[in-house]
Structures are given as structure tokens and as C-alpha cells.
Amino acid sequence: MLIQTDNLSIGYRKNNNHSLVLSGINLQISSRKLIALVGTNGVGKSTLLKTLSGLLPLIDGNIFIEKRNSLSFSAVDWAKMCAVVLTDTSLNQNIRVRELIGLGRHPYTNWLGKISPEDEIQIDKALALTGIENLAHRNINELSDGQRQKVFIARAIAQDTPLVLMDEPTTHLDFYNKVQFQKLVKKLSDTGKTIIYSTHDLDMAIQLSDELIVLTPTQVFHDSPNKLIDDKVFDYFFDADDIVFDQVNKRFLVKKITNK
């Protein structure tokens, strides 16, 4: 088991107080999985991802990664176990693509940050897997949104971790690039990595992911898309009469608006 959570509670701490977002989260996540994290705005998707990655302290409960309690992890342990791709990434706009991808190797470099021949091999692999070898020497500010997203994913690949967490990675992408993203992360999961990504593209997530984690204000569901559909989890996903889930075609539909 790659990840196991035991009665996990997530939220935000401030001084000695905390703001609880979700509690009682019990997940068991295996290796080699592509998992979509879905839920309505404000339900806690980003909070869960940041907690699983160690960027946010948990409120209560435990997270085990490869059977090791995450509370024992050092910063270097986290960096070797989990790579993170966030929606808004601040960076030097003049940095070249290959240099940015090389930042993923920092958990393995010496204190000088010197890139070794092995690091170069991992960078080359990341460029090849994402199909952006031709962009290696371009500045990041010269790229389209779709190309930039591939670069950030390549940096996560170069980090060479069993777990990759992505927070709404398709937000700024058009439909074509969203499909290309799905194909890319599926290829990555086939290489042995587990990818968990949050998304609002529900239909695509249901069609193309191995599993889904569905967050609601009161419950967390985790299973295959077909099992969740059979259990009618999506029938009440939206608190709206004009949005319905079509179980046969596995997609959400908007009822036709008529003037009365």
C-alpha cells in the first residue's frame, strides 16, 4: 500500500487554533494508479492534497506512506517520496526549461546543488516522457500554457518519486491539451508512479481515471468510477435540480432551459 490515512482530519492551523475542513478520512491507495480528486468548490481538495504532500500539517489522525508515518519525515524524506505540481507556481521568468526541470533533482544533489551525470539522465528521461525535448533550451516565458504545464510535470518526473500530487493541473488548458494531459499522466502511472490530481473536469475524470476520490461536505468516497456510479455517488453530487448524472453515458447533463 503506497498511502494509508487513519481517521485523518485536515484544515488550517493558526497559533493554537485550527479551522477544520474535513475529518474521518480513511484512504487506502495502491501504487501504479491514476486517481482524480473531485468535489465542489471549497470542499477541501487543495487542503487534502497539501496535507498528503506535507505542505500543510495534519489536524488529527495519521498518514502512512509506504507504511511509514509521515510525522517522522524530514524535508528531504518528503522530497524523495512526493513531488507536487501546484496551480500557481512562482518562478524566474528567464529560467530555461532544462534548468527548471533540473530543480527537481535538488533532493539528490550535494549542498552545492551540483548536477551529476545521473541527474542529467533523469532530466533527459523527464524531457522524453513529456515529449518536450525540443523545448529544453527555451525560456519558460516563451511557452504556451500547455507547454508550461508539461515542463512542471517534467520537473516532478525528474524528482523521481513514487507519488505525484497535482492541484488542478488542467485549469488553464483547452480541451485538446486536457486530453493530452490525461494521456501523459496515464503513461506516468503505467511506469509505476501513483498520480493524484484534483480537477473540475468531472466527465473526463470519470472516463479516464483508474479511481476517484470524491469529497463532499460530510463524506469521502474512494473507488473505481464504475463502482461509484453503481453506488449513485454522482446522482447527488450537485445540489441543483438542473444538473443530472447520466449513468448510461457516464456524464453530467444540464436540463434544457425553457421559458415559462
Protein backbone atom coordinates (compact mmCIF):
# COMPACT_ATOMS: atom_id res chain seq x y z
CA MET A 1 0.00 0.00 0.00
CA LEU A 2 1.50 3.34 -1.03
CA ILE A 3 -0.72 5.64 1.07
CA GLN A 4 -2.96 4.91 4.01
CA THR A 5 -4.76 7.51 6.10
CA ASP A 6 -6.15 6.71 9.53
CA ASN A 7 -9.03 8.96 10.66
CA LEU A 8 -7.27 11.92 9.07
CA SER A 9 -8.56 15.42 9.83
CA ILE A 10 -7.44 18.28 7.60
CA GLY A 11 -7.65 22.04 7.86
CA TYR A 12 -5.57 25.07 8.75
CA ARG A 13 -3.70 25.87 11.94
CA LYS A 14 -3.20 29.38 13.29
CA ASN A 15 -1.32 29.74 16.57
CA ASN A 16 -3.01 27.25 18.90
CA ASN A 17 -6.29 27.19 17.00
CA HIS A 18 -7.33 25.31 13.89
CA SER A 19 -10.02 25.57 11.25
CA LEU A 20 -11.33 22.08 10.39
CA VAL A 21 -12.19 21.34 6.75
CA LEU A 22 -12.78 17.57 6.72
CA SER A 23 -12.38 14.75 9.24
CA GLY A 24 -12.55 10.98 9.40
CA ILE A 25 -10.71 10.47 6.10
CA ASN A 26 -9.68 6.84 5.63
CA LEU A 27 -7.96 6.11 2.31
CA GLN A 28 -6.01 3.15 1.01
CA ILE A 29 -4.15 3.95 -2.19
CA SER A 30 -2.07 1.46 -4.14
CA SER A 31 0.85 2.02 -6.48
CA ARG A 32 0.52 2.49 -10.26
CA LYS A 33 -2.80 4.35 -10.05
CA LEU A 34 -4.17 7.42 -11.78
CA ILE A 35 -6.59 8.96 -9.30
CA ALA A 36 -8.77 12.04 -9.81
CA LEU A 37 -9.76 14.08 -6.76
CA VAL A 38 -13.13 15.74 -7.33
CA GLY A 39 -15.57 17.85 -5.34
CA THR A 40 -17.35 21.18 -5.45
CA ASN A 41 -15.52 24.45 -4.76
CA GLY A 42 -14.36 24.89 -1.18
CA VAL A 43 -14.90 21.29 -0.14
CA GLY A 44 -11.21 20.68 0.62
CA LYS A 45 -9.46 19.28 -2.48
CA SER A 46 -6.42 21.54 -2.26
CA THR A 47 -6.28 21.15 1.51
CA LEU A 48 -6.21 17.35 1.21
CA LEU A 49 -3.50 17.40 -1.46
CA LYS A 50 -1.33 19.80 0.52
CA THR A 51 -1.77 17.70 3.65
CA LEU A 52 -0.87 14.47 1.84
CA SER A 53 2.24 16.18 0.47
CA GLY A 54 3.41 17.54 3.82
CA LEU A 55 2.91 21.17 2.79
CA LEU A 56 0.19 21.51 5.44
CA PRO A 57 0.33 19.90 8.90
CA LEU A 58 -2.50 17.47 9.57
CA ILE A 59 -5.03 18.39 12.24
CA ASP A 60 -5.54 14.88 13.61
CA GLY A 61 -5.08 11.22 12.65
CA ASN A 62 -2.19 9.77 10.68
CA ILE A 63 -0.80 9.46 7.16
CA PHE A 64 1.32 6.45 6.29
CA ILE A 65 3.39 6.43 3.11
CA GLU A 66 4.91 3.05 2.28
CA LYS A 67 3.95 2.03 5.83
CA ARG A 68 5.97 4.85 7.39
CA ASN A 69 4.25 7.50 9.49
CA SER A 70 4.57 10.85 7.72
CA LEU A 71 5.14 12.60 11.06
CA SER A 72 8.63 11.10 11.05
CA PHE A 73 9.52 12.54 7.64
CA SER A 74 12.23 15.15 7.23
CA ALA A 75 12.03 17.73 4.42
CA VAL A 76 14.38 15.58 2.34
CA ASP A 77 12.26 12.46 3.05
CA TRP A 78 9.19 14.29 1.72
CA ALA A 79 11.05 15.47 -1.38
CA LYS A 80 12.17 11.92 -2.20
CA MET A 81 8.70 10.46 -1.61
CA CYS A 82 6.34 13.02 -3.14
CA ALA A 83 6.50 15.55 -5.98
CA VAL A 84 3.95 18.36 -6.12
CA VAL A 85 2.63 20.37 -9.06
CA LEU A 86 0.64 23.40 -7.90
CA THR A 87 -1.71 25.55 -9.98
CA ASP A 88 0.10 28.84 -9.35
CA THR A 89 3.86 28.43 -9.44
CA SER A 90 6.09 31.46 -8.88
CA LEU A 91 9.30 31.24 -10.87
CA ASN A 92 12.00 33.23 -12.56
CA GLN A 93 10.55 34.01 -15.98
CA ASN A 94 14.05 33.94 -17.52
CA ILE A 95 14.85 30.40 -16.45
CA ARG A 96 15.33 27.88 -19.23
CA VAL A 97 13.23 24.73 -19.41
CA ARG A 98 16.09 22.32 -18.73
CA GLU A 99 17.20 24.36 -15.70
CA LEU A 100 13.67 24.36 -14.28
CA ILE A 101 13.36 20.61 -14.69
CA GLY A 102 16.76 20.25 -13.04
CA LEU A 103 15.31 21.82 -9.88
CA GLY A 104 13.51 18.53 -9.37
CA ARG A 105 16.88 16.90 -8.69
CA HIS A 106 17.67 19.04 -5.64
CA PRO A 107 16.76 16.31 -3.11
CA TYR A 108 19.63 14.25 -4.55
CA THR A 109 22.31 16.86 -5.22
CA ASN A 110 25.03 17.82 -2.76
CA TRP A 111 24.92 21.01 -0.71
CA LEU A 112 26.29 22.96 -3.67
CA GLY A 113 23.38 21.82 -5.82
CA LYS A 114 25.75 20.42 -8.46
CA ILE A 115 24.01 18.35 -11.14
CA SER A 116 25.65 14.94 -11.60
CA PRO A 117 25.67 12.69 -14.70
CA GLU A 118 22.89 10.61 -13.04
CA ASP A 119 20.86 13.79 -12.56
CA GLU A 120 21.33 14.63 -16.24
CA ILE A 121 20.00 11.17 -17.16
CA GLN A 122 16.86 11.75 -15.06
CA ILE A 123 16.34 15.17 -16.66
CA ASP A 124 16.66 13.62 -20.12
CA LYS A 125 14.12 10.94 -19.19
CA ALA A 126 11.68 13.59 -17.97
CA LEU A 127 12.05 15.57 -21.19
CA ALA A 128 11.48 12.43 -23.26
CA LEU A 129 8.45 11.20 -21.27
CA THR A 130 6.71 14.55 -21.64
CA GLY A 131 7.78 14.93 -25.26
CA ILE A 132 9.36 18.36 -24.81
CA GLU A 133 12.98 17.69 -25.81
CA ASN A 134 12.63 20.46 -28.40
CA LEU A 135 11.83 22.98 -25.66
CA ALA A 136 14.82 22.20 -23.43
CA HIS A 137 16.76 25.39 -24.16
CA ARG A 138 13.85 27.82 -24.42
CA ASN A 139 12.87 30.27 -21.69
CA ILE A 140 9.78 29.31 -19.71
CA ASN A 141 8.14 32.68 -20.51
CA GLU A 142 8.18 31.82 -24.23
CA LEU A 143 5.88 28.83 -23.83
CA SER A 144 2.13 28.31 -24.11
CA ASP A 145 0.07 27.25 -21.09
CA GLY A 146 0.04 23.64 -22.32
CA GLN A 147 3.80 23.60 -22.82
CA ARG A 148 4.45 25.18 -19.42
CA GLN A 149 2.28 22.57 -17.73
CA LYS A 150 4.32 19.81 -19.36
CA VAL A 151 7.50 21.45 -18.03
CA PHE A 152 6.16 21.46 -14.45
CA ILE A 153 5.16 17.81 -14.83
CA ALA A 154 8.63 17.04 -16.22
CA ARG A 155 10.18 18.65 -13.13
CA ALA A 156 8.03 16.36 -10.95
CA ILE A 157 9.12 13.34 -13.03
CA ALA A 158 12.78 14.30 -12.65
CA GLN A 159 12.25 14.35 -8.89
CA ASP A 160 11.77 10.57 -9.26
CA THR A 161 9.20 9.97 -6.52
CA PRO A 162 6.64 7.15 -6.22
CA LEU A 163 3.88 9.72 -5.60
CA VAL A 164 2.98 12.81 -7.65
CA LEU A 165 0.27 15.20 -6.46
CA MET A 166 -1.18 17.84 -8.79
CA ASP A 167 -3.56 20.64 -7.82
CA GLU A 168 -5.94 21.44 -10.71
CA PRO A 169 -3.26 20.97 -13.40
CA THR A 170 -5.68 21.44 -16.32
CA THR A 171 -7.19 24.75 -15.18
CA HIS A 172 -5.68 26.89 -17.95
CA LEU A 173 -5.70 24.27 -20.70
CA ASP A 174 -8.02 23.98 -23.70
CA PHE A 175 -9.85 20.73 -24.44
CA TYR A 176 -7.11 19.30 -26.68
CA ASN A 177 -4.40 19.91 -24.08
CA LYS A 178 -6.61 18.49 -21.33
CA VAL A 179 -6.83 15.25 -23.30
CA GLN A 180 -3.05 15.30 -23.85
CA PHE A 181 -2.56 15.80 -20.11
CA GLN A 182 -4.72 12.75 -19.35
CA LYS A 183 -2.72 10.64 -21.80
CA LEU A 184 0.55 11.82 -20.26
CA VAL A 185 -0.36 11.15 -16.62
CA LYS A 186 -1.80 7.75 -17.56
CA LYS A 187 1.54 6.91 -19.17
CA LEU A 188 3.30 8.01 -15.98
CA SER A 189 1.11 5.81 -13.79
CA ASP A 190 1.93 2.89 -16.08
CA THR A 191 5.64 3.44 -15.31
CA GLY A 192 4.92 2.73 -11.63
CA LYS A 193 4.01 6.12 -10.19
CA THR A 194 0.75 6.97 -8.46
CA ILE A 195 -0.71 10.25 -9.68
CA ILE A 196 -3.39 12.06 -7.67
CA TYR A 197 -4.74 15.21 -9.27
CA SER A 198 -7.62 17.50 -8.41
CA THR A 199 -9.91 18.56 -11.22
CA HIS A 200 -13.25 20.13 -12.12
CA ASP A 201 -13.39 18.15 -15.39
CA LEU A 202 -15.72 15.53 -13.96
CA ASP A 203 -16.69 13.77 -17.17
CA MET A 204 -13.08 13.34 -18.27
CA ALA A 205 -12.03 12.17 -14.82
CA ILE A 206 -14.78 9.55 -14.75
CA GLN A 207 -13.86 8.30 -18.22
CA LEU A 208 -10.08 8.19 -17.93
CA SER A 209 -9.02 7.71 -14.28
CA ASP A 210 -8.41 4.38 -12.56
CA GLU A 211 -10.03 5.60 -9.36
CA LEU A 212 -11.69 8.70 -7.96
CA ILE A 213 -11.66 10.32 -4.56
CA VAL A 214 -14.95 12.20 -4.20
CA LEU A 215 -15.15 14.84 -1.47
CA THR A 216 -18.46 16.05 -0.12
CA PRO A 217 -19.01 18.33 2.89
CA THR A 218 -19.78 15.29 5.06
CA GLN A 219 -18.23 12.21 3.38
CA VAL A 220 -15.26 10.98 1.38
CA PHE A 221 -15.74 8.27 -1.25
CA HIS A 222 -12.88 6.39 -2.90
CA ASP A 223 -13.37 3.70 -5.50
CA SER A 224 -13.35 2.91 -9.22
CA PRO A 225 -15.56 5.12 -11.42
CA ASN A 226 -17.91 2.21 -12.20
CA LYS A 227 -18.38 1.32 -8.54
CA LEU A 228 -19.07 4.94 -7.62
CA ILE A 229 -21.60 5.17 -10.44
CA ASP A 230 -23.30 1.94 -9.29
CA ASP A 231 -23.45 3.35 -5.77
CA LYS A 232 -25.12 6.50 -7.19
CA VAL A 233 -22.49 8.78 -5.64
CA PHE A 234 -22.75 11.23 -8.55
CA ASP A 235 -26.54 11.39 -8.52
CA TYR A 236 -26.42 13.96 -5.73
CA PHE A 237 -23.01 15.46 -6.46
CA PHE A 238 -24.51 18.87 -7.26
CA ASP A 239 -27.20 20.37 -5.09
CA ALA A 240 -29.11 21.50 -8.17
CA ASP A 241 -32.20 20.18 -9.94
CA ASP A 242 -30.99 21.27 -13.38
CA ILE A 243 -27.80 19.13 -13.34
CA VAL A 244 -28.29 15.36 -13.53
CA PHE A 245 -25.94 12.43 -13.93
CA ASP A 246 -26.50 10.09 -16.88
CA GLN A 247 -25.46 6.65 -15.58
CA VAL A 248 -25.57 5.02 -19.02
CA ASN A 249 -23.26 7.50 -20.73
CA LYS A 250 -21.29 8.27 -17.55
CA ARG A 251 -21.56 12.04 -17.80
CA PHE A 252 -23.31 15.02 -16.30
CA LEU A 253 -26.14 16.66 -18.22
CA VAL A 254 -27.75 20.08 -17.91
CA LYS A 255 -31.51 20.03 -18.26
CA LYS A 256 -32.74 22.15 -21.12
CA ILE A 257 -33.77 25.60 -20.00
CA THR A 258 -37.29 26.51 -21.04
CA ASN A 259 -39.10 29.81 -20.73
CA LYS A 260 -42.38 29.55 -18.91
